[in-house]
C-alpha atoms as a PDB file:
ATOM      1  CA  MET A   1      89.427  92.830 120.163  1.00  0.00           C
ATOM      2  CA  ASN A   2      90.223  96.153 121.041  1.00  0.00           C
ATOM      3  CA  THR A   3      94.007  96.464 120.918  1.00  0.00           C
ATOM      4  CA  VAL A   4      96.722  95.541 118.672  1.00  0.00           C
ATOM      5  CA  GLN A   5      99.563  94.087 120.402  1.00  0.00           C
ATOM      6  CA  ILE A   6     103.178  93.939 118.678  1.00  0.00           C
ATOM      7  CA  THR A   7     106.305  92.629 119.696  1.00  0.00           C
ATOM      8  CA  VAL A   8     109.533  93.716 118.393  1.00  0.00           C
ATOM      9  CA  LEU A   9     111.389  90.032 117.489  1.00  0.00           C
ATOM     10  CA  VAL A  10     113.853  91.572 115.355  1.00  0.00           C
ATOM     11  CA  GLU A  11     115.415  95.311 115.258  1.00  0.00           C
ATOM     12  CA  ASN A  12     119.126  96.882 115.138  1.00  0.00           C
ATOM     13  CA  GLN A  13     119.121  97.406 119.144  1.00  0.00           C
ATOM     14  CA  ALA A  14     118.249  94.573 121.673  1.00  0.00           C
ATOM     15  CA  VAL A  15     117.639  94.654 125.514  1.00  0.00           C
ATOM     16  CA  LEU A  16     119.804  91.806 126.856  1.00  0.00           C
ATOM     17  CA  PRO A  17     120.017  88.738 126.369  1.00  0.00           C
ATOM     18  CA  LEU A  18     118.269  89.045 123.070  1.00  0.00           C
ATOM     19  CA  HIS A  19     120.213  89.438 119.893  1.00  0.00           C
ATOM     20  CA  PRO A  20     120.571  92.659 118.068  1.00  0.00           C
ATOM     21  CA  GLU A  21     120.297  92.540 114.407  1.00  0.00           C
ATOM     22  CA  HIS A  22     120.194  94.723 111.101  1.00  0.00           C
ATOM     23  CA  GLY A  23     116.605  93.847 109.769  1.00  0.00           C
ATOM     24  CA  LEU A  24     113.387  94.123 111.185  1.00  0.00           C
ATOM     25  CA  SER A  25     110.491  91.308 112.443  1.00  0.00           C
ATOM     26  CA  LEU A  26     107.311  92.067 114.235  1.00  0.00           C
ATOM     27  CA  LEU A  27     104.904  89.766 115.752  1.00  0.00           C
ATOM     28  CA  ILE A  28     101.265  91.540 115.835  1.00  0.00           C
ATOM     29  CA  GLU A  29      98.430  90.186 117.769  1.00  0.00           C
ATOM     30  CA  HIS A  30      95.201  91.171 116.652  1.00  0.00           C
ATOM     31  CA  ASP A  31      91.759  89.324 117.112  1.00  0.00           C
ATOM     32  CA  LYS A  32      92.985  86.088 117.905  1.00  0.00           C
ATOM     33  CA  HIS A  33      95.461  85.635 115.073  1.00  0.00           C
ATOM     34  CA  TRP A  34      99.247  85.826 115.172  1.00  0.00           C
ATOM     35  CA  ILE A  35     100.798  87.705 112.116  1.00  0.00           C
ATOM     36  CA  LEU A  36     104.801  87.826 111.830  1.00  0.00           C
ATOM     37  CA  PHE A  37     105.593  91.063 109.482  1.00  0.00           C
ATOM     38  CA  ASP A  38     109.007  90.494 108.364  1.00  0.00           C
ATOM     39  CA  THR A  39     111.277  87.977 108.941  1.00  0.00           C
ATOM     40  CA  GLY A  40     114.865  90.097 110.081  1.00  0.00           C
ATOM     41  CA  ALA A  41     118.115  88.953 108.028  1.00  0.00           C
ATOM     42  CA  GLY A  42     117.505  85.381 109.702  1.00  0.00           C
ATOM     43  CA  ARG A  43     119.985  85.267 112.464  1.00  0.00           C
ATOM     44  CA  ALA A  44     118.447  86.797 115.433  1.00  0.00           C
ATOM     45  CA  LEU A  45     114.675  85.454 115.239  1.00  0.00           C
ATOM     46  CA  LEU A  46     115.011  82.207 116.640  1.00  0.00           C
ATOM     47  CA  HIS A  47     117.125  83.127 119.246  1.00  0.00           C
ATOM     48  CA  ASN A  48     115.253  86.010 120.481  1.00  0.00           C
ATOM     49  CA  ALA A  49     111.918  84.468 120.019  1.00  0.00           C
ATOM     50  CA  GLN A  50     113.167  81.819 122.328  1.00  0.00           C
ATOM     51  CA  ILE A  51     114.481  83.717 124.736  1.00  0.00           C
ATOM     52  CA  LEU A  52     110.765  85.729 124.831  1.00  0.00           C
ATOM     53  CA  ASP A  53     108.750  82.067 124.750  1.00  0.00           C
ATOM     54  CA  VAL A  54     106.944  83.046 121.535  1.00  0.00           C
ATOM     55  CA  ASP A  55     106.100  79.988 119.932  1.00  0.00           C
ATOM     56  CA  LEU A  56     107.138  80.674 116.196  1.00  0.00           C
ATOM     57  CA  ALA A  57     104.682  77.727 114.937  1.00  0.00           C
ATOM     58  CA  ALA A  58     101.569  79.788 116.314  1.00  0.00           C
ATOM     59  CA  VAL A  59     101.927  82.334 113.394  1.00  0.00           C
ATOM     60  CA  GLU A  60      99.526  81.974 110.929  1.00  0.00           C
ATOM     61  CA  HIS A  61     100.171  84.655 108.519  1.00  0.00           C
ATOM     62  CA  VAL A  62     103.957  86.029 107.205  1.00  0.00           C
ATOM     63  CA  VAL A  63     103.728  89.354 105.751  1.00  0.00           C
ATOM     64  CA  LEU A  64     107.099  90.463 103.710  1.00  0.00           C
ATOM     65  CA  SER A  65     106.906  94.383 103.413  1.00  0.00           C
ATOM     66  CA  HIS A  66     109.622  93.836 100.554  1.00  0.00           C
ATOM     67  CA  GLY A  67     112.303  91.105  99.778  1.00  0.00           C
ATOM     68  CA  HIS A  68     115.318  92.789 100.756  1.00  0.00           C
ATOM     69  CA  ASN A  69     117.435  90.155 102.566  1.00  0.00           C
ATOM     70  CA  ASP A  70     117.023  91.672 105.818  1.00  0.00           C
ATOM     71  CA  HIS A  71     113.561  91.366 106.331  1.00  0.00           C
ATOM     72  CA  THR A  72     113.080  88.248 104.760  1.00  0.00           C
ATOM     73  CA  GLY A  73     116.403  86.317 105.784  1.00  0.00           C
ATOM     74  CA  GLY A  74     114.253  84.238 108.679  1.00  0.00           C
ATOM     75  CA  LEU A  75     111.706  83.028 106.134  1.00  0.00           C
ATOM     76  CA  HIS A  76     112.986  79.821 105.933  1.00  0.00           C
ATOM     77  CA  LEU A  77     111.661  78.956 109.342  1.00  0.00           C
ATOM     78  CA  PHE A  78     108.046  79.296 108.183  1.00  0.00           C
ATOM     79  CA  HIS A  79     107.534  76.328 106.123  1.00  0.00           C
ATOM     80  CA  GLY A  80     103.795  75.857 105.532  1.00  0.00           C
ATOM     81  CA  LYS A  81     102.550  79.232 106.541  1.00  0.00           C
ATOM     82  CA  LYS A  82     100.514  81.777 104.309  1.00  0.00           C
ATOM     83  CA  ILE A  83     103.039  84.140 103.092  1.00  0.00           C
ATOM     84  CA  TRP A  84     101.609  87.628 101.501  1.00  0.00           C
ATOM     85  CA  HIS A  85     104.098  89.556  99.524  1.00  0.00           C
ATOM     86  CA  THR A  86     103.593  91.270  96.423  1.00  0.00           C
ATOM     87  CA  PRO A  87     103.985  90.405  93.029  1.00  0.00           C
ATOM     88  CA  GLU A  88     108.024  91.185  92.656  1.00  0.00           C
ATOM     89  CA  ILE A  89     109.108  90.055  95.844  1.00  0.00           C
ATOM     90  CA  THR A  90     111.923  87.690  94.454  1.00  0.00           C
ATOM     91  CA  CYS A  91     113.495  90.285  92.111  1.00  0.00           C
ATOM     92  CA  PRO A  92     117.157  91.510  92.070  1.00  0.00           C
ATOM     93  CA  HIS A  93     118.154  93.957  94.657  1.00  0.00           C
ATOM     94  CA  PHE A  94     121.885  95.173  95.335  1.00  0.00           C
ATOM     95  CA  SER A  95     122.398  98.390  97.209  1.00  0.00           C
ATOM     96  CA  ARG A  96     125.625 100.208  95.746  1.00  0.00           C
ATOM     97  CA  HIS A  97     126.941 102.702  98.350  1.00  0.00           C
ATOM     98  CA  THR A  98     130.520 104.565  96.969  1.00  0.00           C
ATOM     99  CA  ASP A  99     132.455 103.862 100.335  1.00  0.00           C
ATOM    100  CA  ARG A 100     131.404 100.197 100.540  1.00  0.00           C
ATOM    101  CA  PRO A 101     131.434  97.030  97.979  1.00  0.00           C
ATOM    102  CA  VAL A 102     128.143  96.245  96.158  1.00  0.00           C
ATOM    103  CA  SER A 103     126.091  94.292  98.341  1.00  0.00           C
ATOM    104  CA  ASN A 104     123.582  91.477  97.161  1.00  0.00           C
ATOM    105  CA  ILE A 105     120.135  92.382  99.329  1.00  0.00           C
ATOM    106  CA  THR A 106     118.005  90.369  97.168  1.00  0.00           C
ATOM    107  CA  MET A 107     115.837  87.499  99.459  1.00  0.00           C
ATOM    108  CA  PRO A 108     117.944  84.925 100.269  1.00  0.00           C
ATOM    109  CA  GLU A 109     117.787  81.512  98.299  1.00  0.00           C
ATOM    110  CA  LYS A 110     116.927  79.392 100.796  1.00  0.00           C
ATOM    111  CA  ALA A 111     114.040  81.813 101.886  1.00  0.00           C
ATOM    112  CA  GLN A 112     112.790  81.606  97.760  1.00  0.00           C
ATOM    113  CA  ASN A 113     112.665  77.831  98.109  1.00  0.00           C
ATOM    114  CA  VAL A 114     109.906  78.162 101.092  1.00  0.00           C
ATOM    115  CA  LEU A 115     108.181  80.921  99.291  1.00  0.00           C
ATOM    116  CA  LYS A 116     107.945  78.401  96.303  1.00  0.00           C
ATOM    117  CA  VAL A 117     106.459  75.914  98.082  1.00  0.00           C
ATOM    118  CA  ALA A 118     104.339  78.233 100.410  1.00  0.00           C
ATOM    119  CA  THR A 119     101.106  79.000 100.122  1.00  0.00           C
ATOM    120  CA  GLN A 120     100.969  82.470  98.262  1.00  0.00           C
ATOM    121  CA  CYS A 121      98.927  85.318  98.545  1.00  0.00           C
ATOM    122  CA  THR A 122      99.941  87.747  96.125  1.00  0.00           C
ATOM    123  CA  VAL A 123      98.946  91.511  96.954  1.00  0.00           C
ATOM    124  CA  GLU A 124      98.231  92.980  93.762  1.00  0.00           C
ATOM    125  CA  ARG A 125      96.601  96.453  94.591  1.00  0.00           C
ATOM    126  CA  PHE A 126      95.231  97.481  98.249  1.00  0.00           C
ATOM    127  CA  GLN A 127      93.197  95.071  99.973  1.00  0.00           C
ATOM    128  CA  GLU A 128      91.664  93.158 103.289  1.00  0.00           C
ATOM    129  CA  MET A 129      93.857  90.653 104.307  1.00  0.00           C
ATOM    130  CA  LEU A 130      91.602  89.993 107.975  1.00  0.00           C
ATOM    131  CA  PRO A 131      89.268  91.551 108.904  1.00  0.00           C
ATOM    132  CA  GLY A 132      90.229  95.194 110.031  1.00  0.00           C
ATOM    133  CA  ILE A 133      93.596  94.343 108.516  1.00  0.00           C
ATOM    134  CA  TYR A 134      94.723  95.721 105.389  1.00  0.00           C
ATOM    135  CA  LEU A 135      97.615  95.594 103.146  1.00  0.00           C
ATOM    136  CA  THR A 136      98.493  98.357 100.481  1.00  0.00           C
ATOM    137  CA  GLY A 137      99.986  96.132  97.944  1.00  0.00           C
ATOM    138  CA  PRO A 138     102.668  97.914  95.263  1.00  0.00           C
ATOM    139  CA  ILE A 139     102.126 102.110  96.555  1.00  0.00           C
ATOM    140  CA  PRO A 140     101.880 104.291  93.723  1.00  0.00           C
ATOM    141  CA  ARG A 141     105.041 106.926  93.802  1.00  0.00           C
ATOM    142  CA  VAL A 142     103.785 110.296  92.865  1.00  0.00           C
ATOM    143  CA  SER A 143     105.420 112.971  95.667  1.00  0.00           C
ATOM    144  CA  GLY A 144     108.571 112.462  94.371  1.00  0.00           C
ATOM    145  CA  GLU A 145     110.170 110.731  97.367  1.00  0.00           C
ATOM    146  CA  THR A 146     113.671 109.010  96.852  1.00  0.00           C
ATOM    147  CA  THR A 147     113.985 105.219  98.292  1.00  0.00           C
ATOM    148  CA  GLY A 148     116.284 106.028 100.428  1.00  0.00           C
ATOM    149  CA  GLY A 149     119.698 105.119  99.007  1.00  0.00           C
ATOM    150  CA  PRO A 150     121.603 104.104  96.193  1.00  0.00           C
ATOM    151  CA  PHE A 151     119.630 101.100  95.045  1.00  0.00           C
ATOM    152  CA  PHE A 152     119.854  99.274  92.067  1.00  0.00           C
ATOM    153  CA  HIS A 153     118.655  95.830  90.073  1.00  0.00           C
ATOM    154  CA  ASP A 154     122.214  95.080  89.004  1.00  0.00           C
ATOM    155  CA  PRO A 155     125.687  94.875  90.723  1.00  0.00           C
ATOM    156  CA  ASP A 156     127.022  97.359  87.764  1.00  0.00           C
ATOM    157  CA  GLY A 157     124.452  99.929  89.087  1.00  0.00           C
ATOM    158  CA  MET A 158     122.901 100.510  86.083  1.00  0.00           C
ATOM    159  CA  THR A 159     119.188  99.890  86.289  1.00  0.00           C
ATOM    160  CA  PRO A 160     117.834 101.799  89.603  1.00  0.00           C
ATOM    161  CA  ASP A 161     115.926  99.971  92.000  1.00  0.00           C
ATOM    162  CA  PHE A 162     112.669 102.259  93.208  1.00  0.00           C
ATOM    163  CA  ILE A 163     111.649  98.413  95.094  1.00  0.00           C
ATOM    164  CA  PRO A 164     108.537  98.050  93.455  1.00  0.00           C
ATOM    165  CA  ASP A 165     108.042  95.183  95.857  1.00  0.00           C
ATOM    166  CA  GLU A 166     107.513  97.397  99.211  1.00  0.00           C
ATOM    167  CA  GLN A 167     104.008  97.585 101.176  1.00  0.00           C
ATOM    168  CA  ALA A 168     102.377  98.569 104.320  1.00  0.00           C
ATOM    169  CA  MET A 169      99.906  97.063 106.864  1.00  0.00           C
ATOM    170  CA  LEU A 170      96.786  99.337 107.789  1.00  0.00           C
ATOM    171  CA  PHE A 171      94.698  98.579 110.608  1.00  0.00           C
ATOM    172  CA  GLU A 172      91.222 100.061 111.119  1.00  0.00           C
ATOM    173  CA  HIS A 173      92.387 101.122 114.416  1.00  0.00           C
ATOM    174  CA  GLY A 174      94.813 103.888 112.477  1.00  0.00           C
ATOM    175  CA  VAL A 175      97.849 102.171 112.883  1.00  0.00           C
ATOM    176  CA  LEU A 176     100.412 102.031 109.767  1.00  0.00           C
ATOM    177  CA  ILE A 177     102.996  99.324 110.187  1.00  0.00           C
ATOM    178  CA  GLN A 178     106.036  99.993 107.962  1.00  0.00           C
ATOM    179  CA  GLY A 179     109.181  97.747 107.072  1.00  0.00           C
ATOM    180  CA  CYS A 180     111.367 100.288 105.447  1.00  0.00           C
ATOM    181  CA  CYS A 181     108.903 102.502 103.563  1.00  0.00           C
ATOM    182  CA  HIS A 182     111.438 102.966 100.563  1.00  0.00           C
ATOM    183  CA  ALA A 183     108.043 104.295  98.968  1.00  0.00           C
ATOM    184  CA  GLY A 184     108.158 107.112 100.821  1.00  0.00           C
ATOM    185  CA  ILE A 185     105.814 107.602 103.889  1.00  0.00           C
ATOM    186  CA  ILE A 186     104.207 110.662 101.851  1.00  0.00           C
ATOM    187  CA  ASN A 187     102.814 108.180  99.449  1.00  0.00           C
ATOM    188  CA  THR A 188     102.336 105.601 101.563  1.00  0.00           C
ATOM    189  CA  LEU A 189      99.588 107.961 103.698  1.00  0.00           C
ATOM    190  CA  GLU A 190      98.055 109.150 100.490  1.00  0.00           C
ATOM    191  CA  TYR A 191      97.898 105.868  99.238  1.00  0.00           C
ATOM    192  CA  CYS A 192      96.256 104.680 102.232  1.00  0.00           C
ATOM    193  CA  ARG A 193      94.143 107.486 102.305  1.00  0.00           C
ATOM    194  CA  LYS A 194      92.994 106.939  98.720  1.00  0.00           C
ATOM    195  CA  CYS A 195      91.899 103.751  99.579  1.00  0.00           C
ATOM    196  CA  ALA A 196      90.829 103.785 103.067  1.00  0.00           C
ATOM    197  CA  PRO A 197      89.435 107.239 103.458  1.00  0.00           C
ATOM    198  CA  GLN A 198      87.320 106.215 106.613  1.00  0.00           C
ATOM    199  CA  ILE A 199      90.797 105.235 108.474  1.00  0.00           C
ATOM    200  CA  PRO A 200      92.741 108.214 110.056  1.00  0.00           C
ATOM    201  CA  VAL A 201      96.214 107.045 110.541  1.00  0.00           C
ATOM    202  CA  HIS A 202      97.309 108.298 114.144  1.00  0.00           C
ATOM    203  CA  THR A 203     100.267 105.971 114.994  1.00  0.00           C
ATOM    204  CA  ILE A 204     103.041 104.789 112.483  1.00  0.00           C
ATOM    205  CA  ILE A 205     105.587 101.950 113.380  1.00  0.00           C
ATOM    206  CA  GLY A 206     108.433 100.681 111.818  1.00  0.00           C
ATOM    207  CA  GLY A 207     111.251 102.108 109.561  1.00  0.00           C
ATOM    208  CA  LEU A 208     111.352 105.104 108.012  1.00  0.00           C
ATOM    209  CA  HIS A 209     114.293 105.358 105.529  1.00  0.00           C
ATOM    210  CA  LEU A 210     115.378 108.736 106.337  1.00  0.00           C
ATOM    211  CA  LEU A 211     118.680 107.974 106.765  1.00  0.00           C
ATOM    212  CA  HIS A 212     120.084 109.634 104.201  1.00  0.00           C
ATOM    213  CA  ALA A 213     117.486 112.663 104.323  1.00  0.00           C
ATOM    214  CA  ASP A 214     118.593 115.961 104.330  1.00  0.00           C
ATOM    215  CA  ASP A 215     116.708 118.664 106.076  1.00  0.00           C
ATOM    216  CA  THR A 216     114.280 119.506 103.117  1.00  0.00           C
ATOM    217  CA  ARG A 217     113.019 116.155 103.131  1.00  0.00           C
ATOM    218  CA  LEU A 218     112.900 115.961 106.925  1.00  0.00           C
ATOM    219  CA  GLN A 219     110.844 119.208 107.145  1.00  0.00           C
ATOM    220  CA  ARG A 220     108.633 118.220 104.365  1.00  0.00           C
ATOM    221  CA  THR A 221     107.987 114.731 105.735  1.00  0.00           C
ATOM    222  CA  ALA A 222     107.163 116.116 109.428  1.00  0.00           C
ATOM    223  CA  GLU A 223     104.899 118.784 108.225  1.00  0.00           C
ATOM    224  CA  TYR A 224     102.765 116.453 106.184  1.00  0.00           C
ATOM    225  CA  LEU A 225     102.773 113.714 109.055  1.00  0.00           C
ATOM    226  CA  HIS A 226     101.237 117.107 111.505  1.00  0.00           C
ATOM    227  CA  GLN A 227      98.734 117.959 108.767  1.00  0.00           C
ATOM    228  CA  SER A 228      97.219 114.075 108.344  1.00  0.00           C
ATOM    229  CA  GLY A 229      97.053 113.765 111.822  1.00  0.00           C
ATOM    230  CA  VAL A 230      99.797 111.737 112.997  1.00  0.00           C
ATOM    231  CA  THR A 231     100.890 111.882 116.201  1.00  0.00           C
ATOM    232  CA  THR A 232     102.611 108.858 117.713  1.00  0.00           C
ATOM    233  CA  LEU A 233     105.962 107.501 115.604  1.00  0.00           C
ATOM    234  CA  TYR A 234     107.287 104.208 116.640  1.00  0.00           C
ATOM    235  CA  LEU A 235     110.963 104.672 115.190  1.00  0.00           C
ATOM    236  CA  MET A 236     112.866 101.705 114.151  1.00  0.00           C
ATOM    237  CA  HIS A 237     115.695 100.181 111.842  1.00  0.00           C
ATOM    238  CA  CYS A 238     116.255 102.438 108.776  1.00  0.00           C
ATOM    239  CA  THR A 239     114.705 105.538 110.304  1.00  0.00           C
ATOM    240  CA  GLY A 240     118.145 107.533 111.031  1.00  0.00           C
ATOM    241  CA  VAL A 241     119.503 108.758 114.421  1.00  0.00           C
ATOM    242  CA  ASP A 242     119.157 112.532 112.748  1.00  0.00           C
ATOM    243  CA  ALA A 243     115.540 111.657 111.731  1.00  0.00           C
ATOM    244  CA  VAL A 244     114.303 110.334 114.997  1.00  0.00           C
ATOM    245  CA  ASN A 245     115.993 113.480 116.915  1.00  0.00           C
ATOM    246  CA  TYR A 246     114.114 115.483 114.087  1.00  0.00           C
ATOM    247  CA  MET A 247     110.629 114.000 114.706  1.00  0.00           C
ATOM    248  CA  ARG A 248     110.785 114.544 118.162  1.00  0.00           C
ATOM    249  CA  SER A 249     112.016 118.056 118.370  1.00  0.00           C
ATOM    250  CA  ALA A 250     109.239 118.966 115.718  1.00  0.00           C
ATOM    251  CA  GLY A 251     106.661 117.971 118.186  1.00  0.00           C
ATOM    252  CA  PHE A 252     105.806 114.062 117.974  1.00  0.00           C
ATOM    253  CA  ARG A 253     105.975 111.579 120.575  1.00  0.00           C
ATOM    254  CA  VAL A 254     108.735 109.386 119.526  1.00  0.00           C
ATOM    255  CA  ILE A 255     109.733 105.919 120.721  1.00  0.00           C
ATOM    256  CA  THR A 256     112.415 103.827 119.668  1.00  0.00           C
ATOM    257  CA  PRO A 257     111.495 100.237 120.440  1.00  0.00           C
ATOM    258  CA  CYS A 258     114.498  97.214 121.240  1.00  0.00           C
ATOM    259  CA  ALA A 259     113.992  94.057 119.977  1.00  0.00           C
ATOM    260  CA  GLY A 260     112.416  92.622 122.971  1.00  0.00           C
ATOM    261  CA  GLU A 261     109.903  95.381 123.660  1.00  0.00           C
ATOM    262  CA  ARG A 262     106.084  94.969 123.265  1.00  0.00           C
ATOM    263  CA  ILE A 263     104.025  97.692 121.962  1.00  0.00           C
ATOM    264  CA  THR A 264     100.258  98.153 122.828  1.00  0.00           C
ATOM    265  CA  ILE A 265      97.915 100.500 120.729  1.00  0.00           C
ATOM    266  CA  SER A 266      94.246 100.414 121.642  1.00  0.00           C
ATOM    267  CA  ALA A 267      91.212 101.309 119.755  1.00  0.00           C
ATOM    268  CA  GLU A 268      90.273 104.016 121.449  1.00  0.00           C
ATOM    269  CA  LYS A 269      93.509 105.572 120.948  1.00  0.00           C
END
């Protein structure tokens, strides 16, 4: 198959009558396989799939980018599926912003219960998931990029959370799919380049968690992406409006898809 077809099922913004939700879920169709990348927070996925006439029962594989509840909350809908995740997917996650109460953003219990009885594919290192599709597994942190927010493993904020369960998906077409990119896009691309040097990445899809990034980080990120040959950014979820505008002004082709929209990537791109 010469294309990757992606349907945005859950996103912060939605095309009516779909429901918006702070979360992300992408349905990927590639070479007759149906793969769900993340499951949103759990409230919008089923509704949006029904409106779009998407049969979730046809999903063969579920890939979890990381264990935050806005990416794993809909996992309870996928009994009996093959679930791909990194070793620390169920570790405790808390967000502790100074102007808001502590938020427990760990994978919900009902999602963890499904995981316990599922066919689990634990991704410990970069590997081929299906022909032409790769999962990074845990991403080494060498660039100095932050995780994008005040994240902790405990509600008291004593143990910093570097979100070790983060992973990304890479296609032989040169497409990289992110959930939140807490590992940092520079770290992620460098790891992909190390593990799959034959795949030049030209397109990135998903959240880059640059919501709180300052101008220095945005400039560094834009320069690195240009140097790496990235030309197109489908930016969603946690990227942040300022970051979207910055990347657009930096000369990238920037698209901001809503839930309900479809993305087609050709191998000839």
